Amino acid sequence: MDMVLPMTRPRPPRAGILALAFLFMATACASVRFKRDTQTSGTFRSSGWAFTIGSIDLPKPAIDIARENASDANLPNLEVETVLITPYLGWFDWILDLVSVRYARITGTWGFDEE
């Protein structure tokens, strides 16, 4: 006796899997902006995004992306003045280590004052 099973179509990917795949593709976004105030000095702003899953930052922590991005310009006397990492929950920050997207921004000065 032969048994005939109904044909089933493969299920399309769920929205959660697609969102997770998009987050993996969108990791490591970074930007940097330099503004010249004088011939030898100015200000900068650098930012970076990172995806965190299970306490692992992909591809690396957002603050490291922002700092390395500014450092790659090889400008003299680069000094960071402000740092912003968001979201930040203080003691409850461990919740964000499960799954989250983090943004970091650093601003500061570079160069030498003309005196």
N, C-alpha and C. Protein backbone atom coordinates (compact mmCIF):
# COMPACT_ATOMS: atom_id res chain seq x y z
N MET A 1 0.82 -1.16 0.00
CA MET A 1 0.00 0.00 0.00
C MET A 1 0.88 1.24 0.00
N ASP A 2 0.73 2.03 -1.04
CA ASP A 2 1.51 3.26 -1.18
C ASP A 2 0.79 4.41 -0.49
N MET A 3 1.59 5.19 0.17
CA MET A 3 1.04 6.34 0.87
C MET A 3 1.43 7.61 0.13
N VAL A 4 0.48 8.45 -0.16
CA VAL A 4 0.74 9.70 -0.86
C VAL A 4 0.68 10.84 0.15
N LEU A 5 1.80 11.55 0.25
CA LEU A 5 1.86 12.69 1.14
C LEU A 5 1.62 13.97 0.35
N PRO A 6 0.90 14.90 0.93
CA PRO A 6 0.67 16.15 0.21
C PRO A 6 1.99 16.94 0.08
N MET A 7 2.13 17.62 -1.03
CA MET A 7 3.33 18.44 -1.25
C MET A 7 3.22 19.72 -0.43
N THR A 8 4.31 20.06 0.18
CA THR A 8 4.32 21.30 0.95
C THR A 8 5.36 22.23 0.36
N ARG A 9 5.05 23.48 0.35
CA ARG A 9 6.00 24.49 -0.12
C ARG A 9 6.91 24.88 1.02
N PRO A 10 8.15 25.25 0.70
CA PRO A 10 9.02 25.75 1.77
C PRO A 10 8.47 27.07 2.32
N ARG A 11 8.59 27.25 3.61
CA ARG A 11 8.08 28.46 4.24
C ARG A 11 9.02 29.63 3.93
N PRO A 12 8.46 30.78 3.63
CA PRO A 12 9.31 31.95 3.41
C PRO A 12 9.94 32.38 4.73
N PRO A 13 11.10 33.07 4.66
CA PRO A 13 11.75 33.51 5.90
C PRO A 13 10.84 34.44 6.70
N ARG A 14 10.89 34.30 7.96
CA ARG A 14 10.07 35.15 8.83
C ARG A 14 10.67 36.55 8.90
N ALA A 15 9.86 37.49 9.30
CA ALA A 15 10.30 38.89 9.38
C ALA A 15 11.45 39.05 10.37
N GLY A 16 11.44 38.29 11.45
CA GLY A 16 12.51 38.40 12.44
C GLY A 16 13.86 38.00 11.88
N ILE A 17 13.88 36.94 11.09
CA ILE A 17 15.13 36.50 10.47
C ILE A 17 15.62 37.54 9.48
N LEU A 18 14.71 38.12 8.72
CA LEU A 18 15.10 39.16 7.77
C LEU A 18 15.63 40.41 8.49
N ALA A 19 14.99 40.77 9.59
CA ALA A 19 15.46 41.93 10.35
C ALA A 19 16.85 41.67 10.93
N LEU A 20 17.07 40.46 11.43
CA LEU A 20 18.37 40.12 11.99
C LEU A 20 19.44 40.13 10.89
N ALA A 21 19.11 39.62 9.72
CA ALA A 21 20.05 39.64 8.61
C ALA A 21 20.37 41.08 8.20
N PHE A 22 19.37 41.94 8.20
CA PHE A 22 19.60 43.35 7.86
C PHE A 22 20.52 44.01 8.87
N LEU A 23 20.33 43.71 10.17
CA LEU A 23 21.19 44.29 11.19
C LEU A 23 22.63 43.84 11.04
N PHE A 24 22.83 42.58 10.67
CA PHE A 24 24.20 42.11 10.44
C PHE A 24 24.83 42.83 9.26
N MET A 25 24.05 43.11 8.23
CA MET A 25 24.58 43.80 7.06
C MET A 25 24.83 45.28 7.35
N ALA A 26 24.07 45.85 8.27
CA ALA A 26 24.18 47.28 8.55
C ALA A 26 25.19 47.59 9.65
N THR A 27 25.87 46.58 10.16
CA THR A 27 26.83 46.84 11.23
C THR A 27 28.03 47.58 10.69
N ALA A 28 28.71 48.21 11.58
CA ALA A 28 29.96 48.92 11.28
C ALA A 28 29.77 50.14 10.41
N CYS A 29 28.65 50.78 10.48
CA CYS A 29 28.48 52.04 9.78
C CYS A 29 29.22 53.12 10.57
N ALA A 30 29.92 53.96 9.87
CA ALA A 30 30.71 55.00 10.54
C ALA A 30 30.74 56.25 9.69
N SER A 31 30.97 57.38 10.36
CA SER A 31 31.14 58.63 9.63
C SER A 31 32.09 59.52 10.43
N VAL A 32 32.72 60.44 9.73
CA VAL A 32 33.63 61.38 10.36
C VAL A 32 33.52 62.72 9.64
N ARG A 33 33.62 63.81 10.42
CA ARG A 33 33.55 65.15 9.84
C ARG A 33 34.62 66.00 10.50
N PHE A 34 35.39 66.70 9.69
CA PHE A 34 36.42 67.59 10.21
C PHE A 34 36.10 69.01 9.76
N LYS A 35 36.28 69.96 10.67
CA LYS A 35 36.04 71.37 10.36
C LYS A 35 37.30 72.14 10.72
N ARG A 36 37.81 72.88 9.78
CA ARG A 36 39.03 73.65 10.00
C ARG A 36 38.66 75.03 10.55
N ASP A 37 39.24 75.39 11.71
CA ASP A 37 39.03 76.70 12.30
C ASP A 37 40.15 77.67 11.91
N THR A 38 41.38 77.18 11.90
CA THR A 38 42.54 77.96 11.47
C THR A 38 43.31 77.09 10.48
N GLN A 39 44.47 77.56 10.04
CA GLN A 39 45.29 76.78 9.11
C GLN A 39 45.81 75.50 9.75
N THR A 40 45.97 75.49 11.07
CA THR A 40 46.59 74.34 11.74
C THR A 40 45.72 73.67 12.79
N SER A 41 44.43 74.03 12.89
CA SER A 41 43.59 73.41 13.92
C SER A 41 42.12 73.42 13.50
N GLY A 42 41.34 72.67 14.25
CA GLY A 42 39.92 72.61 13.97
C GLY A 42 39.21 71.67 14.92
N THR A 43 38.01 71.27 14.55
CA THR A 43 37.22 70.35 15.36
C THR A 43 36.86 69.13 14.51
N PHE A 44 36.44 68.07 15.20
CA PHE A 44 36.01 66.88 14.49
C PHE A 44 34.82 66.25 15.21
N ARG A 45 34.11 65.42 14.47
CA ARG A 45 33.01 64.63 15.00
C ARG A 45 33.04 63.29 14.30
N SER A 46 33.10 62.22 15.05
CA SER A 46 33.16 60.88 14.49
C SER A 46 32.11 60.01 15.17
N SER A 47 31.45 59.14 14.40
CA SER A 47 30.42 58.28 14.97
C SER A 47 30.54 56.87 14.41
N GLY A 48 29.95 55.93 15.13
CA GLY A 48 29.95 54.54 14.69
C GLY A 48 28.76 53.78 15.24
N TRP A 49 28.32 52.77 14.50
CA TRP A 49 27.21 51.90 14.90
C TRP A 49 27.74 50.49 15.03
N ALA A 50 27.19 49.72 15.96
CA ALA A 50 27.55 48.31 16.11
C ALA A 50 26.33 47.53 16.56
N PHE A 51 26.28 46.27 16.17
CA PHE A 51 25.20 45.36 16.53
C PHE A 51 25.71 44.45 17.65
N THR A 52 24.96 44.33 18.74
CA THR A 52 25.36 43.50 19.86
C THR A 52 24.39 42.34 20.01
N ILE A 53 24.94 41.15 20.09
CA ILE A 53 24.14 39.94 20.33
C ILE A 53 24.93 39.04 21.27
N GLY A 54 24.33 38.69 22.39
CA GLY A 54 24.99 37.83 23.36
C GLY A 54 26.30 38.40 23.88
N SER A 55 26.35 39.68 24.15
CA SER A 55 27.54 40.40 24.66
C SER A 55 28.68 40.44 23.66
N ILE A 56 28.43 40.13 22.41
CA ILE A 56 29.45 40.21 21.37
C ILE A 56 29.08 41.36 20.45
N ASP A 57 29.97 42.33 20.33
CA ASP A 57 29.74 43.48 19.45
C ASP A 57 30.27 43.15 18.06
N LEU A 58 29.41 43.31 17.08
CA LEU A 58 29.79 43.00 15.69
C LEU A 58 29.90 44.28 14.90
N PRO A 59 30.96 44.58 14.25
CA PRO A 59 32.21 43.84 14.22
C PRO A 59 33.09 44.14 15.42
N LYS A 60 32.86 45.25 16.10
CA LYS A 60 33.58 45.63 17.33
C LYS A 60 32.74 46.67 18.03
N PRO A 61 33.06 47.05 19.27
CA PRO A 61 32.25 48.06 19.97
C PRO A 61 32.15 49.38 19.20
N ALA A 62 31.00 50.00 19.29
CA ALA A 62 30.73 51.23 18.54
C ALA A 62 31.72 52.34 18.90
N ILE A 63 32.13 52.42 20.15
CA ILE A 63 33.07 53.47 20.55
C ILE A 63 34.43 53.24 19.89
N ASP A 64 34.82 51.98 19.73
CA ASP A 64 36.09 51.69 19.05
C ASP A 64 36.02 52.07 17.57
N ILE A 65 34.87 51.85 16.95
CA ILE A 65 34.69 52.23 15.54
C ILE A 65 34.83 53.74 15.40
N ALA A 66 34.19 54.49 16.29
CA ALA A 66 34.25 55.96 16.22
C ALA A 66 35.67 56.47 16.46
N ARG A 67 36.35 55.91 17.45
CA ARG A 67 37.72 56.36 17.76
C ARG A 67 38.69 56.01 16.63
N GLU A 68 38.59 54.80 16.10
CA GLU A 68 39.49 54.41 15.01
C GLU A 68 39.23 55.22 13.75
N ASN A 69 37.97 55.55 13.51
CA ASN A 69 37.63 56.35 12.34
C ASN A 69 38.28 57.73 12.42
N ALA A 70 38.24 58.36 13.58
CA ALA A 70 38.87 59.67 13.75
C ALA A 70 40.39 59.55 13.70
N SER A 71 40.92 58.50 14.28
CA SER A 71 42.37 58.32 14.33
C SER A 71 42.97 58.06 12.94
N ASP A 72 42.21 57.45 12.06
CA ASP A 72 42.72 57.12 10.73
C ASP A 72 43.03 58.35 9.89
N ALA A 73 42.55 59.52 10.28
CA ALA A 73 42.83 60.74 9.53
C ALA A 73 44.25 61.23 9.76
N ASN A 74 44.92 60.73 10.79
CA ASN A 74 46.30 61.10 11.11
C ASN A 74 46.49 62.60 11.30
N LEU A 75 45.54 63.25 11.93
CA LEU A 75 45.66 64.67 12.22
C LEU A 75 46.46 64.84 13.51
N PRO A 76 47.28 65.88 13.60
CA PRO A 76 48.11 66.05 14.80
C PRO A 76 47.28 66.50 16.00
N ASN A 77 47.72 66.07 17.19
CA ASN A 77 47.16 66.53 18.45
C ASN A 77 45.64 66.34 18.53
N LEU A 78 45.17 65.17 18.17
CA LEU A 78 43.75 64.84 18.21
C LEU A 78 43.32 64.61 19.66
N GLU A 79 42.39 65.41 20.16
CA GLU A 79 41.94 65.30 21.54
C GLU A 79 40.42 65.14 21.59
N VAL A 80 39.97 64.08 22.25
CA VAL A 80 38.54 63.82 22.41
C VAL A 80 38.03 64.64 23.59
N GLU A 81 36.94 65.37 23.37
CA GLU A 81 36.36 66.19 24.44
C GLU A 81 35.05 65.62 24.97
N THR A 82 34.18 65.10 24.10
CA THR A 82 32.92 64.52 24.55
C THR A 82 32.72 63.15 23.92
N VAL A 83 32.08 62.29 24.69
CA VAL A 83 31.77 60.92 24.25
C VAL A 83 30.31 60.66 24.55
N LEU A 84 29.58 60.13 23.57
CA LEU A 84 28.18 59.77 23.75
C LEU A 84 27.99 58.34 23.27
N ILE A 85 27.45 57.49 24.13
CA ILE A 85 27.10 56.12 23.75
C ILE A 85 25.64 55.95 24.08
N THR A 86 24.87 55.54 23.09
CA THR A 86 23.44 55.37 23.31
C THR A 86 22.96 54.10 22.63
N PRO A 87 22.07 53.36 23.16
CA PRO A 87 21.40 53.55 24.44
C PRO A 87 22.32 53.15 25.58
N TYR A 88 22.11 53.76 26.73
CA TYR A 88 22.87 53.46 27.94
C TYR A 88 21.89 53.41 29.11
N LEU A 89 21.85 52.28 29.78
CA LEU A 89 20.88 52.08 30.87
C LEU A 89 21.52 51.99 32.25
N GLY A 90 22.80 52.35 32.36
CA GLY A 90 23.47 52.28 33.65
C GLY A 90 23.63 50.85 34.12
N TRP A 91 23.16 50.56 35.33
CA TRP A 91 23.28 49.23 35.89
C TRP A 91 22.53 48.19 35.06
N PHE A 92 21.45 48.60 34.41
CA PHE A 92 20.65 47.68 33.61
C PHE A 92 21.18 47.52 32.19
N ASP A 93 22.38 48.00 31.94
CA ASP A 93 22.97 47.91 30.61
C ASP A 93 23.16 46.47 30.14
N TRP A 94 23.22 45.53 31.05
CA TRP A 94 23.37 44.12 30.69
C TRP A 94 22.20 43.64 29.83
N ILE A 95 21.04 44.27 29.97
CA ILE A 95 19.88 43.90 29.14
C ILE A 95 20.20 44.14 27.67
N LEU A 96 20.90 45.23 27.38
CA LEU A 96 21.25 45.56 26.01
C LEU A 96 22.31 44.62 25.44
N ASP A 97 23.01 43.88 26.30
CA ASP A 97 24.00 42.93 25.82
C ASP A 97 23.36 41.70 25.20
N LEU A 98 22.08 41.49 25.43
CA LEU A 98 21.42 40.34 24.81
C LEU A 98 21.26 40.57 23.31
N VAL A 99 20.55 41.61 22.93
CA VAL A 99 20.40 42.00 21.52
C VAL A 99 20.15 43.50 21.48
N SER A 100 21.00 44.24 20.77
CA SER A 100 20.78 45.68 20.65
C SER A 100 21.63 46.25 19.52
N VAL A 101 21.36 47.49 19.21
CA VAL A 101 22.17 48.26 18.28
C VAL A 101 22.67 49.46 19.06
N ARG A 102 23.97 49.69 19.02
CA ARG A 102 24.56 50.78 19.79
C ARG A 102 25.14 51.83 18.86
N TYR A 103 25.08 53.07 19.31
CA TYR A 103 25.59 54.22 18.57
C TYR A 103 26.57 54.95 19.47
N ALA A 104 27.71 55.32 18.93
CA ALA A 104 28.70 56.09 19.70
C ALA A 104 29.13 57.29 18.88
N ARG A 105 29.31 58.44 19.55
CA ARG A 105 29.77 59.65 18.88
C ARG A 105 30.83 60.30 19.75
N ILE A 106 31.93 60.71 19.14
CA ILE A 106 32.96 61.45 19.85
C ILE A 106 33.18 62.76 19.12
N THR A 107 33.45 63.81 19.89
CA THR A 107 33.76 65.11 19.31
C THR A 107 35.00 65.65 20.02
N GLY A 108 35.71 66.51 19.35
CA GLY A 108 36.90 67.08 19.97
C GLY A 108 37.62 68.04 19.04
N THR A 109 38.88 68.27 19.35
CA THR A 109 39.70 69.21 18.58
C THR A 109 40.92 68.50 18.02
N TRP A 110 41.53 69.14 17.04
CA TRP A 110 42.78 68.63 16.46
C TRP A 110 43.66 69.82 16.10
N GLY A 111 44.95 69.57 16.02
CA GLY A 111 45.88 70.59 15.56
C GLY A 111 46.46 71.44 16.67
N PHE A 112 47.08 72.54 16.26
CA PHE A 112 47.77 73.44 17.17
C PHE A 112 47.24 74.85 17.00
N ASP A 113 47.11 75.56 18.11
CA ASP A 113 46.66 76.95 18.07
C ASP A 113 47.77 77.82 17.53
N GLU A 114 47.40 78.78 16.72
CA GLU A 114 48.38 79.74 16.19
C GLU A 114 48.56 80.86 17.21
N GLU A 115 49.69 80.87 17.85
CA GLU A 115 49.94 81.92 18.86
C GLU A 115 51.22 82.62 18.57
